[in-house]
PDB file of N, CA and C in Angstrom:
ATOM      1  N   MET A   1      11.970 -12.401 -31.408  1.00  0.00           N
ATOM      2  CA  MET A   1      11.475 -12.803 -32.671  1.00  0.00           C
ATOM      3  C   MET A   1      10.747 -14.009 -32.600  1.00  0.00           C
ATOM      4  N   LEU A   2       9.500 -14.091 -33.221  1.00  0.00           N
ATOM      5  CA  LEU A   2       8.713 -15.335 -33.115  1.00  0.00           C
ATOM      6  C   LEU A   2       8.978 -16.203 -34.508  1.00  0.00           C
ATOM      7  N   ILE A   3       9.024 -15.543 -35.545  1.00  0.00           N
ATOM      8  CA  ILE A   3       9.311 -16.183 -36.856  1.00  0.00           C
ATOM      9  C   ILE A   3      10.224 -15.420 -37.546  1.00  0.00           C
ATOM     10  N   GLY A   4      11.186 -15.980 -38.152  1.00  0.00           N
ATOM     11  CA  GLY A   4      12.071 -15.308 -38.996  1.00  0.00           C
ATOM     12  C   GLY A   4      12.947 -16.005 -39.885  1.00  0.00           C
ATOM     13  N   GLN A   5      13.205 -15.428 -41.037  1.00  0.00           N
ATOM     14  CA  GLN A   5      14.070 -16.093 -42.048  1.00  0.00           C
ATOM     15  C   GLN A   5      14.449 -14.788 -42.907  1.00  0.00           C
ATOM     16  N   VAL A   6      15.833 -14.588 -42.980  1.00  0.00           N
ATOM     17  CA  VAL A   6      16.395 -13.421 -43.556  1.00  0.00           C
ATOM     18  C   VAL A   6      15.912 -13.322 -45.112  1.00  0.00           C
ATOM     19  N   GLY A   7      15.459 -12.095 -45.448  1.00  0.00           N
ATOM     20  CA  GLY A   7      14.956 -11.946 -46.834  1.00  0.00           C
ATOM     21  C   GLY A   7      13.575 -12.566 -47.061  1.00  0.00           C
ATOM     22  N   GLU A   8      13.046 -13.271 -46.166  1.00  0.00           N
ATOM     23  CA  GLU A   8      11.704 -13.936 -46.490  1.00  0.00           C
ATOM     24  C   GLU A   8      10.604 -13.461 -45.620  1.00  0.00           C
ATOM     25  N   VAL A   9      10.788 -13.596 -44.299  1.00  0.00           N
ATOM     26  CA  VAL A   9       9.677 -13.400 -43.439  1.00  0.00           C
ATOM     27  C   VAL A   9      10.037 -12.947 -41.983  1.00  0.00           C
ATOM     28  N   LEU A  10       9.393 -12.069 -41.196  1.00  0.00           N
ATOM     29  CA  LEU A  10       9.773 -11.715 -39.930  1.00  0.00           C
ATOM     30  C   LEU A  10       8.384 -11.437 -39.024  1.00  0.00           C
ATOM     31  N   VAL A  11       8.401 -12.070 -38.011  1.00  0.00           N
ATOM     32  CA  VAL A  11       7.184 -11.613 -36.956  1.00  0.00           C
ATOM     33  C   VAL A  11       7.824 -11.484 -35.592  1.00  0.00           C
ATOM     34  N   THR A  12       7.583 -10.369 -35.109  1.00  0.00           N
ATOM     35  CA  THR A  12       8.255  -9.977 -33.829  1.00  0.00           C
ATOM     36  C   THR A  12       6.996  -9.599 -32.810  1.00  0.00           C
ATOM     37  N   ALA A  13       7.387  -9.629 -31.574  1.00  0.00           N
ATOM     38  CA  ALA A  13       6.362  -9.294 -30.579  1.00  0.00           C
ATOM     39  C   ALA A  13       7.054  -8.380 -29.440  1.00  0.00           C
ATOM     40  N   ARG A  14       6.392  -7.462 -28.820  1.00  0.00           N
ATOM     41  CA  ARG A  14       6.775  -6.801 -27.778  1.00  0.00           C
ATOM     42  C   ARG A  14       5.646  -6.614 -26.838  1.00  0.00           C
ATOM     43  N   ARG A  15       6.124  -6.334 -25.480  1.00  0.00           N
ATOM     44  CA  ARG A  15       5.012  -6.256 -24.540  1.00  0.00           C
ATOM     45  C   ARG A  15       5.226  -5.057 -23.795  1.00  0.00           C
ATOM     46  N   LYS A  16       4.086  -4.358 -23.399  1.00  0.00           N
ATOM     47  CA  LYS A  16       4.056  -3.091 -22.587  1.00  0.00           C
ATOM     48  C   LYS A  16       2.971  -3.372 -21.582  1.00  0.00           C
ATOM     49  N   SER A  17       3.335  -3.571 -20.202  1.00  0.00           N
ATOM     50  CA  SER A  17       2.524  -3.791 -19.154  1.00  0.00           C
ATOM     51  C   SER A  17       1.831  -5.295 -19.446  1.00  0.00           C
ATOM     52  N   ARG A  18       0.527  -5.438 -19.640  1.00  0.00           N
ATOM     53  CA  ARG A  18      -0.079  -6.726 -19.939  1.00  0.00           C
ATOM     54  C   ARG A  18      -0.402  -6.711 -21.529  1.00  0.00           C
ATOM     55  N   ASP A  19      -0.202  -5.735 -22.163  1.00  0.00           N
ATOM     56  CA  ASP A  19      -0.604  -5.759 -23.631  1.00  0.00           C
ATOM     57  C   ASP A  19       0.589  -6.118 -24.579  1.00  0.00           C
ATOM     58  N   TRP A  20       0.308  -6.855 -25.542  1.00  0.00           N
ATOM     59  CA  TRP A  20       1.288  -7.370 -26.476  1.00  0.00           C
ATOM     60  C   TRP A  20       1.115  -6.770 -27.808  1.00  0.00           C
ATOM     61  N   TYR A  21       2.099  -6.447 -28.525  1.00  0.00           N
ATOM     62  CA  TYR A  21       2.052  -5.943 -29.839  1.00  0.00           C
ATOM     63  C   TYR A  21       2.755  -6.757 -30.786  1.00  0.00           C
ATOM     64  N   LEU A  22       2.178  -7.213 -31.916  1.00  0.00           N
ATOM     65  CA  LEU A  22       2.799  -8.027 -32.818  1.00  0.00           C
ATOM     66  C   LEU A  22       2.888  -7.387 -34.187  1.00  0.00           C
ATOM     67  N   GLY A  23       3.935  -7.539 -34.989  1.00  0.00           N
ATOM     68  CA  GLY A  23       4.163  -7.188 -36.269  1.00  0.00           C
ATOM     69  C   GLY A  23       4.833  -8.167 -37.237  1.00  0.00           C
ATOM     70  N   GLY A  24       4.330  -8.073 -38.368  1.00  0.00           N
ATOM     71  CA  GLY A  24       4.888  -9.060 -39.335  1.00  0.00           C
ATOM     72  C   GLY A  24       5.001  -8.678 -40.663  1.00  0.00           C
ATOM     73  N   MET A  25       5.908  -9.163 -41.482  1.00  0.00           N
ATOM     74  CA  MET A  25       6.005  -8.880 -42.858  1.00  0.00           C
ATOM     75  C   MET A  25       6.618  -9.929 -43.631  1.00  0.00           C
ATOM     76  N   SER A  26       6.236 -10.027 -45.053  1.00  0.00           N
ATOM     77  CA  SER A  26       6.741 -11.045 -45.798  1.00  0.00           C
ATOM     78  C   SER A  26       7.228 -10.534 -47.014  1.00  0.00           C
ATOM     79  N   ALA A  27       8.189 -11.161 -47.727  1.00  0.00           N
ATOM     80  CA  ALA A  27       8.778 -10.818 -49.133  1.00  0.00           C
ATOM     81  C   ALA A  27       8.784 -12.055 -49.737  1.00  0.00           C
ATOM     82  N   VAL A  28       9.032 -11.848 -51.226  1.00  0.00           N
ATOM     83  CA  VAL A  28       9.304 -13.109 -52.117  1.00  0.00           C
ATOM     84  C   VAL A  28       7.978 -13.679 -52.506  1.00  0.00           C
ATOM     85  N   GLN A  29       7.075 -13.983 -51.478  1.00  0.00           N
ATOM     86  CA  GLN A  29       5.842 -14.890 -51.906  1.00  0.00           C
ATOM     87  C   GLN A  29       4.829 -14.483 -50.721  1.00  0.00           C
ATOM     88  N   PRO A  30       3.578 -14.622 -51.228  1.00  0.00           N
ATOM     89  CA  PRO A  30       2.433 -14.619 -50.161  1.00  0.00           C
ATOM     90  C   PRO A  30       2.755 -15.985 -49.279  1.00  0.00           C
ATOM     91  N   ARG A  31       2.247 -15.799 -48.004  1.00  0.00           N
ATOM     92  CA  ARG A  31       2.185 -17.068 -47.219  1.00  0.00           C
ATOM     93  C   ARG A  31       1.328 -17.038 -46.068  1.00  0.00           C
ATOM     94  N   ASP A  32       0.884 -18.170 -45.514  1.00  0.00           N
ATOM     95  CA  ASP A  32       0.131 -18.317 -44.322  1.00  0.00           C
ATOM     96  C   ASP A  32       0.983 -18.440 -43.198  1.00  0.00           C
ATOM     97  N   LEU A  33       0.765 -17.574 -42.237  1.00  0.00           N
ATOM     98  CA  LEU A  33       1.633 -17.742 -41.036  1.00  0.00           C
ATOM     99  C   LEU A  33       0.736 -18.389 -39.938  1.00  0.00           C
ATOM    100  N   GLU A  34       1.354 -19.240 -39.004  1.00  0.00           N
ATOM    101  CA  GLU A  34       0.749 -19.688 -37.795  1.00  0.00           C
ATOM    102  C   GLU A  34       1.615 -19.220 -36.756  1.00  0.00           C
ATOM    103  N   ILE A  35       1.100 -18.412 -35.984  1.00  0.00           N
ATOM    104  CA  ILE A  35       1.977 -17.798 -34.782  1.00  0.00           C
ATOM    105  C   ILE A  35       1.531 -18.355 -33.484  1.00  0.00           C
ATOM    106  N   PRO A  36       2.287 -19.045 -32.895  1.00  0.00           N
ATOM    107  CA  PRO A  36       1.967 -19.702 -31.569  1.00  0.00           C
ATOM    108  C   PRO A  36       1.902 -18.592 -30.617  1.00  0.00           C
ATOM    109  N   LEU A  37       0.970 -18.591 -29.701  1.00  0.00           N
ATOM    110  CA  LEU A  37       0.845 -17.575 -28.670  1.00  0.00           C
ATOM    111  C   LEU A  37       1.216 -17.927 -27.250  1.00  0.00           C
ATOM    112  N   GLY A  38       2.071 -18.923 -26.974  1.00  0.00           N
ATOM    113  CA  GLY A  38       2.438 -19.411 -25.842  1.00  0.00           C
ATOM    114  C   GLY A  38       3.151 -18.339 -24.874  1.00  0.00           C
ATOM    115  N   PHE A  39       3.729 -17.275 -25.585  1.00  0.00           N
ATOM    116  CA  PHE A  39       4.304 -16.255 -24.757  1.00  0.00           C
ATOM    117  C   PHE A  39       3.346 -15.472 -24.011  1.00  0.00           C
ATOM    118  N   LEU A  40       1.943 -15.601 -24.219  1.00  0.00           N
ATOM    119  CA  LEU A  40       1.072 -14.664 -23.511  1.00  0.00           C
ATOM    120  C   LEU A  40       1.008 -14.907 -21.987  1.00  0.00           C
ATOM    121  N   GLY A  41       1.174 -16.191 -21.591  1.00  0.00           N
ATOM    122  CA  GLY A  41       0.901 -16.274 -20.158  1.00  0.00           C
ATOM    123  C   GLY A  41      -0.553 -16.605 -19.926  1.00  0.00           C
ATOM    124  N   LYS A  42      -0.858 -16.607 -18.662  1.00  0.00           N
ATOM    125  CA  LYS A  42      -2.242 -16.963 -18.133  1.00  0.00           C
ATOM    126  C   LYS A  42      -3.333 -16.018 -18.631  1.00  0.00           C
ATOM    127  N   GLY A  43      -4.589 -16.454 -18.768  1.00  0.00           N
ATOM    128  CA  GLY A  43      -5.698 -15.632 -19.018  1.00  0.00           C
ATOM    129  C   GLY A  43      -6.016 -15.538 -20.585  1.00  0.00           C
ATOM    130  N   SER A  44      -7.051 -14.714 -20.911  1.00  0.00           N
ATOM    131  CA  SER A  44      -7.409 -14.472 -22.378  1.00  0.00           C
ATOM    132  C   SER A  44      -7.231 -13.043 -22.709  1.00  0.00           C
ATOM    133  N   PHE A  45      -7.061 -12.851 -23.951  1.00  0.00           N
ATOM    134  CA  PHE A  45      -6.634 -11.546 -24.457  1.00  0.00           C
ATOM    135  C   PHE A  45      -7.651 -11.267 -25.623  1.00  0.00           C
ATOM    136  N   ASP A  46      -8.007 -10.067 -25.696  1.00  0.00           N
ATOM    137  CA  ASP A  46      -8.581  -9.468 -26.989  1.00  0.00           C
ATOM    138  C   ASP A  46      -7.719  -9.226 -27.987  1.00  0.00           C
ATOM    139  N   ALA A  47      -7.777  -9.873 -29.350  1.00  0.00           N
ATOM    140  CA  ALA A  47      -6.876  -9.584 -30.282  1.00  0.00           C
ATOM    141  C   ALA A  47      -7.492  -8.707 -31.290  1.00  0.00           C
ATOM    142  N   GLU A  48      -6.738  -7.677 -31.662  1.00  0.00           N
ATOM    143  CA  GLU A  48      -7.272  -6.720 -32.681  1.00  0.00           C
ATOM    144  C   GLU A  48      -6.049  -6.782 -33.794  1.00  0.00           C
ATOM    145  N   ILE A  49      -6.514  -7.193 -35.054  1.00  0.00           N
ATOM    146  CA  ILE A  49      -5.601  -7.409 -36.092  1.00  0.00           C
ATOM    147  C   ILE A  49      -5.949  -6.623 -37.256  1.00  0.00           C
ATOM    148  N   TRP A  50      -4.836  -5.987 -37.821  1.00  0.00           N
ATOM    149  CA  TRP A  50      -5.005  -5.317 -39.174  1.00  0.00           C
ATOM    150  C   TRP A  50      -4.205  -6.141 -40.170  1.00  0.00           C
ATOM    151  N   LYS A  51      -4.607  -6.601 -41.232  1.00  0.00           N
ATOM    152  CA  LYS A  51      -3.981  -7.513 -42.123  1.00  0.00           C
ATOM    153  C   LYS A  51      -4.339  -7.192 -43.535  1.00  0.00           C
ATOM    154  N   ASP A  52      -3.468  -7.730 -44.477  1.00  0.00           N
ATOM    155  CA  ASP A  52      -3.740  -7.676 -45.824  1.00  0.00           C
ATOM    156  C   ASP A  52      -5.165  -8.220 -46.200  1.00  0.00           C
ATOM    157  N   ALA A  53      -5.850  -7.372 -47.048  1.00  0.00           N
ATOM    158  CA  ALA A  53      -7.160  -7.873 -47.602  1.00  0.00           C
ATOM    159  C   ALA A  53      -6.899  -8.842 -48.755  1.00  0.00           C
ATOM    160  N   ASN A  54      -7.936  -9.535 -49.165  1.00  0.00           N
ATOM    161  CA  ASN A  54      -8.061 -10.531 -50.196  1.00  0.00           C
ATOM    162  C   ASN A  54      -7.514  -9.881 -51.522  1.00  0.00           C
ATOM    163  N   ASP A  55      -7.766  -8.472 -51.704  1.00  0.00           N
ATOM    164  CA  ASP A  55      -7.548  -7.836 -52.984  1.00  0.00           C
ATOM    165  C   ASP A  55      -6.393  -7.015 -52.844  1.00  0.00           C
ATOM    166  N   THR A  56      -5.241  -7.382 -52.031  1.00  0.00           N
ATOM    167  CA  THR A  56      -4.094  -6.582 -51.797  1.00  0.00           C
ATOM    168  C   THR A  56      -3.360  -6.474 -53.009  1.00  0.00           C
ATOM    169  N   ASP A  57      -3.334  -7.564 -54.048  1.00  0.00           N
ATOM    170  CA  ASP A  57      -2.659  -7.469 -55.199  1.00  0.00           C
ATOM    171  C   ASP A  57      -3.220  -6.367 -56.102  1.00  0.00           C
ATOM    172  N   LYS A  58      -4.407  -5.910 -55.917  1.00  0.00           N
ATOM    173  CA  LYS A  58      -4.862  -4.889 -56.776  1.00  0.00           C
ATOM    174  C   LYS A  58      -4.692  -3.492 -55.919  1.00  0.00           C
ATOM    175  N   ASP A  59      -4.914  -3.444 -54.625  1.00  0.00           N
ATOM    176  CA  ASP A  59      -4.871  -2.294 -53.771  1.00  0.00           C
ATOM    177  C   ASP A  59      -3.962  -2.754 -52.519  1.00  0.00           C
ATOM    178  N   PRO A  60      -2.696  -2.342 -52.620  1.00  0.00           N
ATOM    179  CA  PRO A  60      -1.933  -2.703 -51.474  1.00  0.00           C
ATOM    180  C   PRO A  60      -2.079  -2.021 -50.264  1.00  0.00           C
ATOM    181  N   ASN A  61      -2.956  -0.917 -50.258  1.00  0.00           N
ATOM    182  CA  ASN A  61      -3.181  -0.310 -49.078  1.00  0.00           C
ATOM    183  C   ASN A  61      -4.481  -0.711 -48.432  1.00  0.00           C
ATOM    184  N   HIS A  62      -5.236  -1.730 -48.966  1.00  0.00           N
ATOM    185  CA  HIS A  62      -6.418  -2.232 -48.601  1.00  0.00           C
ATOM    186  C   HIS A  62      -6.216  -3.277 -47.349  1.00  0.00           C
ATOM    187  N   LEU A  63      -6.663  -2.888 -46.187  1.00  0.00           N
ATOM    188  CA  LEU A  63      -6.493  -3.774 -45.064  1.00  0.00           C
ATOM    189  C   LEU A  63      -7.794  -4.296 -44.503  1.00  0.00           C
ATOM    190  N   VAL A  64      -7.785  -5.322 -43.775  1.00  0.00           N
ATOM    191  CA  VAL A  64      -9.068  -6.037 -43.071  1.00  0.00           C
ATOM    192  C   VAL A  64      -8.746  -5.700 -41.599  1.00  0.00           C
ATOM    193  N   HIS A  65      -9.709  -5.388 -40.883  1.00  0.00           N
ATOM    194  CA  HIS A  65      -9.565  -5.228 -39.301  1.00  0.00           C
ATOM    195  C   HIS A  65     -10.369  -6.309 -38.656  1.00  0.00           C
ATOM    196  N   THR A  66      -9.835  -7.146 -38.022  1.00  0.00           N
ATOM    197  CA  THR A  66     -10.714  -8.280 -37.161  1.00  0.00           C
ATOM    198  C   THR A  66     -10.373  -8.122 -35.665  1.00  0.00           C
ATOM    199  N   ARG A  67     -11.264  -8.707 -35.015  1.00  0.00           N
ATOM    200  CA  ARG A  67     -11.239  -8.949 -33.498  1.00  0.00           C
ATOM    201  C   ARG A  67     -11.541 -10.387 -33.116  1.00  0.00           C
ATOM    202  N   SER A  68     -10.803 -10.936 -32.209  1.00  0.00           N
ATOM    203  CA  SER A  68     -11.197 -12.201 -31.619  1.00  0.00           C
ATOM    204  C   SER A  68     -10.550 -12.300 -30.170  1.00  0.00           C
ATOM    205  N   ARG A  69     -10.962 -13.388 -29.555  1.00  0.00           N
ATOM    206  CA  ARG A  69     -10.457 -13.649 -28.293  1.00  0.00           C
ATOM    207  C   ARG A  69      -9.503 -14.777 -28.348  1.00  0.00           C
ATOM    208  N   VAL A  70      -8.268 -14.671 -27.698  1.00  0.00           N
ATOM    209  CA  VAL A  70      -7.294 -15.733 -27.777  1.00  0.00           C
ATOM    210  C   VAL A  70      -6.665 -15.940 -26.437  1.00  0.00           C
ATOM    211  N   SER A  71      -5.918 -17.016 -26.309  1.00  0.00           N
ATOM    212  CA  SER A  71      -5.179 -17.463 -25.085  1.00  0.00           C
ATOM    213  C   SER A  71      -3.953 -17.936 -25.487  1.00  0.00           C
ATOM    214  N   SER A  72      -3.027 -18.399 -24.509  1.00  0.00           N
ATOM    215  CA  SER A  72      -1.716 -18.959 -24.734  1.00  0.00           C
ATOM    216  C   SER A  72      -1.709 -20.211 -25.631  1.00  0.00           C
ATOM    217  N   GLY A  73      -2.829 -20.847 -25.522  1.00  0.00           N
ATOM    218  CA  GLY A  73      -2.795 -22.206 -26.174  1.00  0.00           C
ATOM    219  C   GLY A  73      -3.143 -22.004 -27.669  1.00  0.00           C
ATOM    220  N   ASP A  74      -3.512 -20.908 -28.107  1.00  0.00           N
ATOM    221  CA  ASP A  74      -4.049 -20.603 -29.448  1.00  0.00           C
ATOM    222  C   ASP A  74      -2.902 -20.223 -30.311  1.00  0.00           C
ATOM    223  N   GLN A  75      -3.169 -20.398 -31.629  1.00  0.00           N
ATOM    224  CA  GLN A  75      -2.228 -19.715 -32.659  1.00  0.00           C
ATOM    225  C   GLN A  75      -3.052 -18.690 -33.530  1.00  0.00           C
ATOM    226  N   LEU A  76      -2.382 -17.697 -33.840  1.00  0.00           N
ATOM    227  CA  LEU A  76      -2.942 -16.788 -34.846  1.00  0.00           C
ATOM    228  C   LEU A  76      -2.549 -17.374 -36.313  1.00  0.00           C
ATOM    229  N   ARG A  77      -3.616 -17.363 -37.108  1.00  0.00           N
ATOM    230  CA  ARG A  77      -3.424 -17.770 -38.518  1.00  0.00           C
ATOM    231  C   ARG A  77      -3.730 -16.612 -39.381  1.00  0.00           C
ATOM    232  N   ILE A  78      -2.689 -16.083 -39.955  1.00  0.00           N
ATOM    233  CA  ILE A  78      -2.730 -14.842 -40.741  1.00  0.00           C
ATOM    234  C   ILE A  78      -2.182 -15.091 -42.222  1.00  0.00           C
ATOM    235  N   ARG A  79      -3.088 -14.817 -43.121  1.00  0.00           N
ATOM    236  CA  ARG A  79      -2.593 -14.895 -44.578  1.00  0.00           C
ATOM    237  C   ARG A  79      -1.847 -13.534 -44.843  1.00  0.00           C
ATOM    238  N   VAL A  80      -0.739 -13.536 -45.363  1.00  0.00           N
ATOM    239  CA  VAL A  80       0.132 -12.340 -45.598  1.00  0.00           C
ATOM    240  C   VAL A  80       0.355 -12.314 -47.213  1.00  0.00           C
ATOM    241  N   ALA A  81       0.106 -11.156 -47.781  1.00  0.00           N
ATOM    242  CA  ALA A  81       0.168 -11.096 -49.185  1.00  0.00           C
ATOM    243  C   ALA A  81       1.729 -10.804 -49.635  1.00  0.00           C
ATOM    244  N   LEU A  82       2.010 -10.996 -50.889  1.00  0.00           N
ATOM    245  CA  LEU A  82       3.441 -10.816 -51.379  1.00  0.00           C
ATOM    246  C   LEU A  82       3.772  -9.333 -50.981  1.00  0.00           C
ATOM    247  N   ASP A  83       4.764  -9.302 -50.210  1.00  0.00           N
ATOM    248  CA  ASP A  83       5.495  -7.917 -49.698  1.00  0.00           C
ATOM    249  C   ASP A  83       4.479  -7.216 -48.828  1.00  0.00           C
ATOM    250  N   GLY A  84       3.661  -8.107 -48.149  1.00  0.00           N
ATOM    251  CA  GLY A  84       2.527  -7.496 -47.212  1.00  0.00           C
ATOM    252  C   GLY A  84       3.007  -7.813 -45.734  1.00  0.00           C
ATOM    253  N   GLY A  85       2.021  -7.431 -44.874  1.00  0.00           N
ATOM    254  CA  GLY A  85       2.267  -7.715 -43.465  1.00  0.00           C
ATOM    255  C   GLY A  85       0.981  -7.514 -42.702  1.00  0.00           C
ATOM    256  N   PHE A  86       1.318  -7.424 -41.413  1.00  0.00           N
ATOM    257  CA  PHE A  86       0.139  -7.243 -40.301  1.00  0.00           C
ATOM    258  C   PHE A  86       0.640  -6.696 -39.210  1.00  0.00           C
ATOM    259  N   VAL A  87      -0.297  -6.096 -38.407  1.00  0.00           N
ATOM    260  CA  VAL A  87       0.125  -5.615 -36.982  1.00  0.00           C
ATOM    261  C   VAL A  87      -1.130  -6.175 -36.136  1.00  0.00           C
ATOM    262  N   ALA A  88      -0.741  -6.406 -34.841  1.00  0.00           N
ATOM    263  CA  ALA A  88      -1.780  -6.834 -33.944  1.00  0.00           C
ATOM    264  C   ALA A  88      -1.573  -6.414 -32.538  1.00  0.00           C
ATOM    265  N   LYS A  89      -2.627  -6.127 -31.746  1.00  0.00           N
ATOM    266  CA  LYS A  89      -2.573  -5.700 -30.349  1.00  0.00           C
ATOM    267  C   LYS A  89      -3.356  -6.812 -29.601  1.00  0.00           C
ATOM    268  N   LEU A  90      -2.774  -7.307 -28.533  1.00  0.00           N
ATOM    269  CA  LEU A  90      -3.485  -8.261 -27.866  1.00  0.00           C
ATOM    270  C   LEU A  90      -3.483  -7.739 -26.293  1.00  0.00           C
ATOM    271  N   SER A  91      -4.656  -7.465 -25.884  1.00  0.00           N
ATOM    272  CA  SER A  91      -4.891  -6.744 -24.558  1.00  0.00           C
ATOM    273  C   SER A  91      -5.948  -7.613 -23.742  1.00  0.00           C
TER     274      SER A  91
END
């Protein structure tokens, strides 16, 4: 578990081979998450992220898909809507 508070927020990561899979969800309130990527190890990774869109309060199924390049010294900054979440693949 990377971030966690019972009944509030959870962010977890799992690895398969060199790829990492992250998932997070939030309850009670929207929040801005800053997820440290120190667990990645050496090298850079392509981050593919599916997260809540800006209009999630009107359409909870509306997601935004983004891509970026990250390394272990970076942090993912993700806005999570009320009762929302995200998933990411880092490869």
